């Protein structure tokens, strides 16, 4: 039986298997990107792939706090596109 890596959604504070979440990364250069591989270098935060969770993160600026940088609106748009 293999161990399943668990990660916590920064909005809901629920723990999920890593594959059920999407990672947003602040790279060492200071750029904010959506990490679909889960392996990009940098400081990351995980979000549940759910429209309500993404909208809550946008309204409350949760990612700005966790990544310690201003998250552009395009990142939230990319996340919503991933859900579709």
PDB file of N, CA and C in Angstrom:
ATOM      1  N   UNK A   1       0.852  -1.182   0.000  1.00  0.00           N
ATOM      2  CA  UNK A   1       0.000   0.000   0.000  1.00  0.00           C
ATOM      3  C   UNK A   1       0.895   1.242   0.000  1.00  0.00           C
ATOM      4  N   UNK A   2       0.743   2.072  -1.053  1.00  0.00           N
ATOM      5  CA  UNK A   2       1.553   3.289  -1.156  1.00  0.00           C
ATOM      6  C   UNK A   2       0.944   4.418  -0.345  1.00  0.00           C
ATOM      7  N   UNK A   3       1.806   5.247   0.195  1.00  0.00           N
ATOM      8  CA  UNK A   3       1.360   6.415   0.941  1.00  0.00           C
ATOM      9  C   UNK A   3       0.897   7.485  -0.048  1.00  0.00           C
ATOM     10  N   UNK A   4      -0.264   8.078   0.196  1.00  0.00           N
ATOM     11  CA  UNK A   4      -0.789   9.136  -0.665  1.00  0.00           C
ATOM     12  C   UNK A   4      -0.427  10.486  -0.053  1.00  0.00           C
ATOM     13  N   UNK A   5       0.320  11.332  -0.794  1.00  0.00           N
ATOM     14  CA  UNK A   5       0.675  12.639  -0.238  1.00  0.00           C
ATOM     15  C   UNK A   5      -0.555  13.521  -0.059  1.00  0.00           C
ATOM     16  N   UNK A   6      -0.698  14.098   1.120  1.00  0.00           N
ATOM     17  CA  UNK A   6      -1.839  14.956   1.429  1.00  0.00           C
ATOM     18  C   UNK A   6      -1.364  16.405   1.511  1.00  0.00           C
ATOM     19  N   UNK A   7      -2.219  17.320   1.057  1.00  0.00           N
ATOM     20  CA  UNK A   7      -1.935  18.752   1.133  1.00  0.00           C
ATOM     21  C   UNK A   7      -3.187  19.468   1.633  1.00  0.00           C
ATOM     22  N   UNK A   8      -2.988  20.682   2.168  1.00  0.00           N
ATOM     23  CA  UNK A   8      -4.108  21.434   2.731  1.00  0.00           C
ATOM     24  C   UNK A   8      -4.488  22.594   1.812  1.00  0.00           C
ATOM     25  N   UNK A   9      -5.779  22.728   1.527  1.00  0.00           N
ATOM     26  CA  UNK A   9      -6.295  23.856   0.757  1.00  0.00           C
ATOM     27  C   UNK A   9      -6.196  25.099   1.639  1.00  0.00           C
ATOM     28  N   UNK A  10      -5.624  26.196   1.113  1.00  0.00           N
ATOM     29  CA  UNK A  10      -5.419  27.396   1.917  1.00  0.00           C
ATOM     30  C   UNK A  10      -6.721  28.150   2.198  1.00  0.00           C
ATOM     31  N   UNK A  11      -7.790  27.843   1.463  1.00  0.00           N
ATOM     32  CA  UNK A  11      -9.077  28.519   1.680  1.00  0.00           C
ATOM     33  C   UNK A  11      -9.929  27.749   2.679  1.00  0.00           C
ATOM     34  N   UNK A  12     -10.120  26.444   2.429  1.00  0.00           N
ATOM     35  CA  UNK A  12     -11.017  25.649   3.271  1.00  0.00           C
ATOM     36  C   UNK A  12     -10.316  25.016   4.464  1.00  0.00           C
ATOM     37  N   UNK A  13      -8.985  24.961   4.444  1.00  0.00           N
ATOM     38  CA  UNK A  13      -8.173  24.288   5.475  1.00  0.00           C
ATOM     39  C   UNK A  13      -8.489  22.802   5.599  1.00  0.00           C
ATOM     40  N   UNK A  14      -9.011  22.205   4.530  1.00  0.00           N
ATOM     41  CA  UNK A  14      -9.257  20.762   4.504  1.00  0.00           C
ATOM     42  C   UNK A  14      -8.064  20.084   3.843  1.00  0.00           C
ATOM     43  N   UNK A  15      -7.791  18.849   4.276  1.00  0.00           N
ATOM     44  CA  UNK A  15      -6.696  18.081   3.692  1.00  0.00           C
ATOM     45  C   UNK A  15      -7.248  17.179   2.591  1.00  0.00           C
ATOM     46  N   UNK A  16      -6.543  17.170   1.456  1.00  0.00           N
ATOM     47  CA  UNK A  16      -6.929  16.362   0.302  1.00  0.00           C
ATOM     48  C   UNK A  16      -5.698  15.686  -0.267  1.00  0.00           C
ATOM     49  N   UNK A  17      -5.901  14.592  -1.036  1.00  0.00           N
ATOM     50  CA  UNK A  17      -4.760  14.043  -1.776  1.00  0.00           C
ATOM     51  C   UNK A  17      -4.213  15.113  -2.728  1.00  0.00           C
ATOM     52  N   UNK A  18      -2.908  15.149  -2.890  1.00  0.00           N
ATOM     53  CA  UNK A  18      -2.237  16.181  -3.680  1.00  0.00           C
ATOM     54  C   UNK A  18      -2.821  16.316  -5.089  1.00  0.00           C
ATOM     55  N   UNK A  19      -3.232  15.203  -5.693  1.00  0.00           N
ATOM     56  CA  UNK A  19      -3.745  15.221  -7.069  1.00  0.00           C
ATOM     57  C   UNK A  19      -5.091  15.933  -7.193  1.00  0.00           C
ATOM     58  N   UNK A  20      -5.821  16.099  -6.094  1.00  0.00           N
ATOM     59  CA  UNK A  20      -7.126  16.765  -6.140  1.00  0.00           C
ATOM     60  C   UNK A  20      -7.021  18.278  -6.007  1.00  0.00           C
ATOM     61  N   UNK A  21      -5.811  18.775  -5.752  1.00  0.00           N
ATOM     62  CA  UNK A  21      -5.610  20.212  -5.561  1.00  0.00           C
ATOM     63  C   UNK A  21      -4.753  20.769  -6.690  1.00  0.00           C
ATOM     64  N   UNK A  22      -4.799  22.088  -6.845  1.00  0.00           N
ATOM     65  CA  UNK A  22      -3.946  22.762  -7.823  1.00  0.00           C
ATOM     66  C   UNK A  22      -2.989  23.671  -7.058  1.00  0.00           C
ATOM     67  N   UNK A  23      -1.755  23.743  -7.525  1.00  0.00           N
ATOM     68  CA  UNK A  23      -0.722  24.511  -6.830  1.00  0.00           C
ATOM     69  C   UNK A  23      -0.452  25.821  -7.560  1.00  0.00           C
ATOM     70  N   UNK A  24      -0.391  26.896  -6.797  1.00  0.00           N
ATOM     71  CA  UNK A  24      -0.031  28.206  -7.315  1.00  0.00           C
ATOM     72  C   UNK A  24       1.315  28.548  -6.690  1.00  0.00           C
ATOM     73  N   UNK A  25       2.266  29.000  -7.513  1.00  0.00           N
ATOM     74  CA  UNK A  25       3.650  29.163  -7.065  1.00  0.00           C
ATOM     75  C   UNK A  25       4.152  30.584  -7.280  1.00  0.00           C
ATOM     76  N   UNK A  26       4.905  31.077  -6.279  1.00  0.00           N
ATOM     77  CA  UNK A  26       5.704  32.295  -6.460  1.00  0.00           C
ATOM     78  C   UNK A  26       7.127  31.806  -6.707  1.00  0.00           C
ATOM     79  N   UNK A  27       7.594  31.996  -7.929  1.00  0.00           N
ATOM     80  CA  UNK A  27       8.919  31.508  -8.310  1.00  0.00           C
ATOM     81  C   UNK A  27      10.009  32.350  -7.641  1.00  0.00           C
ATOM     82  N   UNK A  28      11.239  31.866  -7.616  1.00  0.00           N
ATOM     83  CA  UNK A  28      12.336  32.655  -7.038  1.00  0.00           C
ATOM     84  C   UNK A  28      12.500  34.028  -7.711  1.00  0.00           C
ATOM     85  N   UNK A  29      12.037  34.162  -8.963  1.00  0.00           N
ATOM     86  CA  UNK A  29      12.112  35.445  -9.672  1.00  0.00           C
ATOM     87  C   UNK A  29      10.967  36.374  -9.274  1.00  0.00           C
ATOM     88  N   UNK A  30      10.001  35.879  -8.474  1.00  0.00           N
ATOM     89  CA  UNK A  30       8.885  36.703  -8.024  1.00  0.00           C
ATOM     90  C   UNK A  30       7.656  36.612  -8.907  1.00  0.00           C
ATOM     91  N   UNK A  31       7.676  35.736  -9.898  1.00  0.00           N
ATOM     92  CA  UNK A  31       6.545  35.569 -10.813  1.00  0.00           C
ATOM     93  C   UNK A  31       5.524  34.603 -10.186  1.00  0.00           C
ATOM     94  N   UNK A  32       4.232  34.876 -10.373  1.00  0.00           N
ATOM     95  CA  UNK A  32       3.172  33.996  -9.872  1.00  0.00           C
ATOM     96  C   UNK A  32       2.662  33.153 -11.034  1.00  0.00           C
ATOM     97  N   UNK A  33       2.693  31.818 -10.888  1.00  0.00           N
ATOM     98  CA  UNK A  33       2.252  30.918 -11.951  1.00  0.00           C
ATOM     99  C   UNK A  33       1.400  29.790 -11.384  1.00  0.00           C
ATOM    100  N   UNK A  34       0.541  29.227 -12.252  1.00  0.00           N
ATOM    101  CA  UNK A  34      -0.231  28.037 -11.902  1.00  0.00           C
ATOM    102  C   UNK A  34       0.646  26.841 -12.230  1.00  0.00           C
ATOM    103  N   UNK A  35       0.866  25.979 -11.245  1.00  0.00           N
ATOM    104  CA  UNK A  35       1.757  24.820 -11.404  1.00  0.00           C
ATOM    105  C   UNK A  35       0.917  23.558 -11.560  1.00  0.00           C
ATOM    106  N   UNK A  36       0.696  23.141 -12.794  1.00  0.00           N
ATOM    107  CA  UNK A  36      -0.112  21.936 -13.028  1.00  0.00           C
ATOM    108  C   UNK A  36       0.669  20.663 -12.722  1.00  0.00           C
ATOM    109  N   UNK A  37       2.007  20.726 -12.759  1.00  0.00           N
ATOM    110  CA  UNK A  37       2.822  19.536 -12.484  1.00  0.00           C
ATOM    111  C   UNK A  37       2.996  19.303 -10.987  1.00  0.00           C
ATOM    112  N   UNK A  38       2.914  20.378 -10.192  1.00  0.00           N
ATOM    113  CA  UNK A  38       3.128  20.263  -8.754  1.00  0.00           C
ATOM    114  C   UNK A  38       4.595  20.187  -8.375  1.00  0.00           C
ATOM    115  N   UNK A  39       5.492  20.479  -9.321  1.00  0.00           N
ATOM    116  CA  UNK A  39       6.926  20.322  -9.053  1.00  0.00           C
ATOM    117  C   UNK A  39       7.752  21.571  -9.330  1.00  0.00           C
ATOM    118  N   UNK A  40       7.110  22.677  -9.683  1.00  0.00           N
ATOM    119  CA  UNK A  40       7.864  23.895  -9.983  1.00  0.00           C
ATOM    120  C   UNK A  40       8.606  24.391  -8.755  1.00  0.00           C
ATOM    121  N   UNK A  41       9.729  25.023  -8.997  1.00  0.00           N
ATOM    122  CA  UNK A  41      10.555  25.568  -7.929  1.00  0.00           C
ATOM    123  C   UNK A  41       9.914  26.849  -7.399  1.00  0.00           C
ATOM    124  N   UNK A  42       9.829  26.988  -6.086  1.00  0.00           N
ATOM    125  CA  UNK A  42       9.307  28.207  -5.489  1.00  0.00           C
ATOM    126  C   UNK A  42       8.374  27.928  -4.331  1.00  0.00           C
ATOM    127  N   UNK A  43       7.810  28.999  -3.788  1.00  0.00           N
ATOM    128  CA  UNK A  43       6.902  28.931  -2.641  1.00  0.00           C
ATOM    129  C   UNK A  43       5.488  28.693  -3.159  1.00  0.00           C
ATOM    130  N   UNK A  44       4.831  27.618  -2.714  1.00  0.00           N
ATOM    131  CA  UNK A  44       3.529  27.254  -3.270  1.00  0.00           C
ATOM    132  C   UNK A  44       2.397  27.275  -2.265  1.00  0.00           C
ATOM    133  N   UNK A  45       1.178  27.369  -2.813  1.00  0.00           N
ATOM    134  CA  UNK A  45      -0.046  27.283  -2.023  1.00  0.00           C
ATOM    135  C   UNK A  45      -1.027  26.437  -2.820  1.00  0.00           C
ATOM    136  N   UNK A  46      -1.809  25.618  -2.126  1.00  0.00           N
ATOM    137  CA  UNK A  46      -2.734  24.710  -2.788  1.00  0.00           C
ATOM    138  C   UNK A  46      -4.173  25.187  -2.662  1.00  0.00           C
ATOM    139  N   UNK A  47      -4.937  24.990  -3.750  1.00  0.00           N
ATOM    140  CA  UNK A  47      -6.361  25.317  -3.771  1.00  0.00           C
ATOM    141  C   UNK A  47      -7.142  24.126  -4.295  1.00  0.00           C
ATOM    142  N   UNK A  48      -8.318  23.914  -3.717  1.00  0.00           N
ATOM    143  CA  UNK A  48      -9.236  22.900  -4.217  1.00  0.00           C
ATOM    144  C   UNK A  48      -9.772  23.385  -5.559  1.00  0.00           C
ATOM    145  N   UNK A  49      -9.873  22.496  -6.530  1.00  0.00           N
ATOM    146  CA  UNK A  49     -10.401  22.864  -7.845  1.00  0.00           C
ATOM    147  C   UNK A  49     -11.918  22.955  -7.786  1.00  0.00           C
ATOM    148  N   UNK A  50     -12.400  24.059  -7.243  1.00  0.00           N
ATOM    149  CA  UNK A  50     -13.826  24.304  -7.081  1.00  0.00           C
ATOM    150  C   UNK A  50     -14.058  25.795  -7.315  1.00  0.00           C
ATOM    151  N   UNK A  51     -15.055  26.121  -8.115  1.00  0.00           N
ATOM    152  CA  UNK A  51     -15.306  27.526  -8.473  1.00  0.00           C
ATOM    153  C   UNK A  51     -15.522  28.404  -7.235  1.00  0.00           C
ATOM    154  N   UNK A  52     -16.295  27.918  -6.262  1.00  0.00           N
ATOM    155  CA  UNK A  52     -16.566  28.696  -5.044  1.00  0.00           C
ATOM    156  C   UNK A  52     -15.284  28.972  -4.262  1.00  0.00           C
ATOM    157  N   UNK A  53     -14.422  27.980  -4.173  1.00  0.00           N
ATOM    158  CA  UNK A  53     -13.156  28.134  -3.444  1.00  0.00           C
ATOM    159  C   UNK A  53     -12.272  29.173  -4.129  1.00  0.00           C
ATOM    160  N   UNK A  54     -12.211  29.121  -5.459  1.00  0.00           N
ATOM    161  CA  UNK A  54     -11.391  30.070  -6.210  1.00  0.00           C
ATOM    162  C   UNK A  54     -11.937  31.487  -6.062  1.00  0.00           C
ATOM    163  N   UNK A  55     -13.265  31.634  -6.126  1.00  0.00           N
ATOM    164  CA  UNK A  55     -13.878  32.959  -5.962  1.00  0.00           C
ATOM    165  C   UNK A  55     -13.644  33.506  -4.552  1.00  0.00           C
ATOM    166  N   UNK A  56     -13.705  32.627  -3.543  1.00  0.00           N
ATOM    167  CA  UNK A  56     -13.430  33.044  -2.168  1.00  0.00           C
ATOM    168  C   UNK A  56     -11.980  33.503  -2.032  1.00  0.00           C
ATOM    169  N   UNK A  57     -11.069  32.767  -2.647  1.00  0.00           N
ATOM    170  CA  UNK A  57      -9.646  33.144  -2.609  1.00  0.00           C
ATOM    171  C   UNK A  57      -9.436  34.503  -3.261  1.00  0.00           C
ATOM    172  N   UNK A  58     -10.168  34.764  -4.349  1.00  0.00           N
ATOM    173  CA  UNK A  58     -10.039  36.047  -5.043  1.00  0.00           C
ATOM    174  C   UNK A  58     -10.563  37.189  -4.171  1.00  0.00           C
ATOM    175  N   UNK A  59     -11.747  36.997  -3.567  1.00  0.00           N
ATOM    176  CA  UNK A  59     -12.368  38.052  -2.753  1.00  0.00           C
ATOM    177  C   UNK A  59     -11.560  38.366  -1.498  1.00  0.00           C
ATOM    178  N   UNK A  60     -11.115  37.322  -0.811  1.00  0.00           N
ATOM    179  CA  UNK A  60     -10.422  37.508   0.466  1.00  0.00           C
ATOM    180  C   UNK A  60      -8.911  37.677   0.315  1.00  0.00           C
ATOM    181  N   UNK A  61      -8.409  37.568  -0.925  1.00  0.00           N
ATOM    182  CA  UNK A  61      -6.973  37.695  -1.219  1.00  0.00           C
ATOM    183  C   UNK A  61      -6.124  36.724  -0.393  1.00  0.00           C
ATOM    184  N   UNK A  62      -6.612  35.488  -0.290  1.00  0.00           N
ATOM    185  CA  UNK A  62      -5.929  34.452   0.489  1.00  0.00           C
ATOM    186  C   UNK A  62      -4.559  34.124  -0.120  1.00  0.00           C
ATOM    187  N   UNK A  63      -4.505  34.036  -1.445  1.00  0.00           N
ATOM    188  CA  UNK A  63      -3.225  33.699  -2.088  1.00  0.00           C
ATOM    189  C   UNK A  63      -2.194  34.802  -1.897  1.00  0.00           C
ATOM    190  N   UNK A  64      -2.633  36.060  -1.874  1.00  0.00           N
ATOM    191  CA  UNK A  64      -1.693  37.160  -1.638  1.00  0.00           C
ATOM    192  C   UNK A  64      -0.988  36.975  -0.300  1.00  0.00           C
ATOM    193  N   UNK A  65      -1.746  36.564   0.725  1.00  0.00           N
ATOM    194  CA  UNK A  65      -1.165  36.371   2.060  1.00  0.00           C
ATOM    195  C   UNK A  65      -0.195  35.195   2.073  1.00  0.00           C
ATOM    196  N   UNK A  66      -0.614  34.075   1.467  1.00  0.00           N
ATOM    197  CA  UNK A  66       0.220  32.873   1.517  1.00  0.00           C
ATOM    198  C   UNK A  66       1.467  32.974   0.652  1.00  0.00           C
ATOM    199  N   UNK A  67       1.349  33.631  -0.499  1.00  0.00           N
ATOM    200  CA  UNK A  67       2.496  33.734  -1.402  1.00  0.00           C
ATOM    201  C   UNK A  67       3.311  35.004  -1.165  1.00  0.00           C
ATOM    202  N   UNK A  68       2.806  35.881  -0.281  1.00  0.00           N
ATOM    203  CA  UNK A  68       3.492  37.129   0.055  1.00  0.00           C
ATOM    204  C   UNK A  68       3.799  37.954  -1.192  1.00  0.00           C
ATOM    205  N   UNK A  69       2.822  37.993  -2.117  1.00  0.00           N
ATOM    206  CA  UNK A  69       2.953  38.770  -3.355  1.00  0.00           C
ATOM    207  C   UNK A  69       1.557  39.063  -3.895  1.00  0.00           C
ATOM    208  N   UNK A  70       1.465  40.053  -4.774  1.00  0.00           N
ATOM    209  CA  UNK A  70       0.192  40.397  -5.396  1.00  0.00           C
ATOM    210  C   UNK A  70      -0.099  39.389  -6.506  1.00  0.00           C
ATOM    211  N   UNK A  71      -1.242  38.689  -6.394  1.00  0.00           N
ATOM    212  CA  UNK A  71      -1.616  37.681  -7.387  1.00  0.00           C
ATOM    213  C   UNK A  71      -2.469  38.354  -8.462  1.00  0.00           C
ATOM    214  N   UNK A  72      -2.019  38.318  -9.733  1.00  0.00           N
ATOM    215  CA  UNK A  72      -2.790  38.957 -10.802  1.00  0.00           C
ATOM    216  C   UNK A  72      -4.125  38.252 -11.061  1.00  0.00           C
ATOM    217  N   UNK A  73      -5.095  38.994 -11.580  1.00  0.00           N
ATOM    218  CA  UNK A  73      -6.433  38.455 -11.870  1.00  0.00           C
ATOM    219  C   UNK A  73      -6.362  37.325 -12.901  1.00  0.00           C
ATOM    220  N   UNK A  74      -5.361  37.357 -13.780  1.00  0.00           N
ATOM    221  CA  UNK A  74      -5.237  36.320 -14.819  1.00  0.00           C
ATOM    222  C   UNK A  74      -5.045  34.935 -14.202  1.00  0.00           C
ATOM    223  N   UNK A  75      -4.408  34.871 -13.043  1.00  0.00           N
ATOM    224  CA  UNK A  75      -4.180  33.585 -12.369  1.00  0.00           C
ATOM    225  C   UNK A  75      -5.520  32.967 -11.979  1.00  0.00           C
ATOM    226  N   UNK A  76      -6.422  33.776 -11.421  1.00  0.00           N
ATOM    227  CA  UNK A  76      -7.744  33.275 -11.043  1.00  0.00           C
ATOM    228  C   UNK A  76      -8.529  32.853 -12.278  1.00  0.00           C
ATOM    229  N   UNK A  77      -8.382  33.597 -13.376  1.00  0.00           N
ATOM    230  CA  UNK A  77      -9.051  33.238 -14.623  1.00  0.00           C
ATOM    231  C   UNK A  77      -8.530  31.904 -15.145  1.00  0.00           C
ATOM    232  N   UNK A  78      -7.212  31.692 -15.049  1.00  0.00           N
ATOM    233  CA  UNK A  78      -6.607  30.418 -15.466  1.00  0.00           C
ATOM    234  C   UNK A  78      -7.167  29.263 -14.630  1.00  0.00           C
ATOM    235  N   UNK A  79      -7.303  29.482 -13.329  1.00  0.00           N
ATOM    236  CA  UNK A  79      -7.817  28.434 -12.442  1.00  0.00           C
ATOM    237  C   UNK A  79      -9.255  28.066 -12.807  1.00  0.00           C
ATOM    238  N   UNK A  80     -10.073  29.063 -13.111  1.00  0.00           N
ATOM    239  CA  UNK A  80     -11.466  28.802 -13.485  1.00  0.00           C
ATOM    240  C   UNK A  80     -11.519  28.048 -14.813  1.00  0.00           C
ATOM    241  N   UNK A  81     -10.604  28.376 -15.739  1.00  0.00           N
ATOM    242  CA  UNK A  81     -10.529  27.650 -17.011  1.00  0.00           C
ATOM    243  C   UNK A  81     -10.158  26.177 -16.784  1.00  0.00           C
ATOM    244  N   UNK A  82      -9.293  25.903 -15.809  1.00  0.00           N
ATOM    245  CA  UNK A  82      -8.893  24.524 -15.513  1.00  0.00           C
ATOM    246  C   UNK A  82     -10.062  23.681 -15.030  1.00  0.00           C
ATOM    247  N   UNK A  83     -11.020  24.314 -14.369  1.00  0.00           N
ATOM    248  CA  UNK A  83     -12.183  23.580 -13.864  1.00  0.00           C
ATOM    249  C   UNK A  83     -13.048  23.077 -15.006  1.00  0.00           C
ATOM    250  N   UNK A  84     -13.166  23.898 -16.054  1.00  0.00           N
ATOM    251  CA  UNK A  84     -14.047  23.562 -17.198  1.00  0.00           C
ATOM    252  C   UNK A  84     -13.547  22.405 -18.000  1.00  0.00           C
TER     253      UNK A  84
END
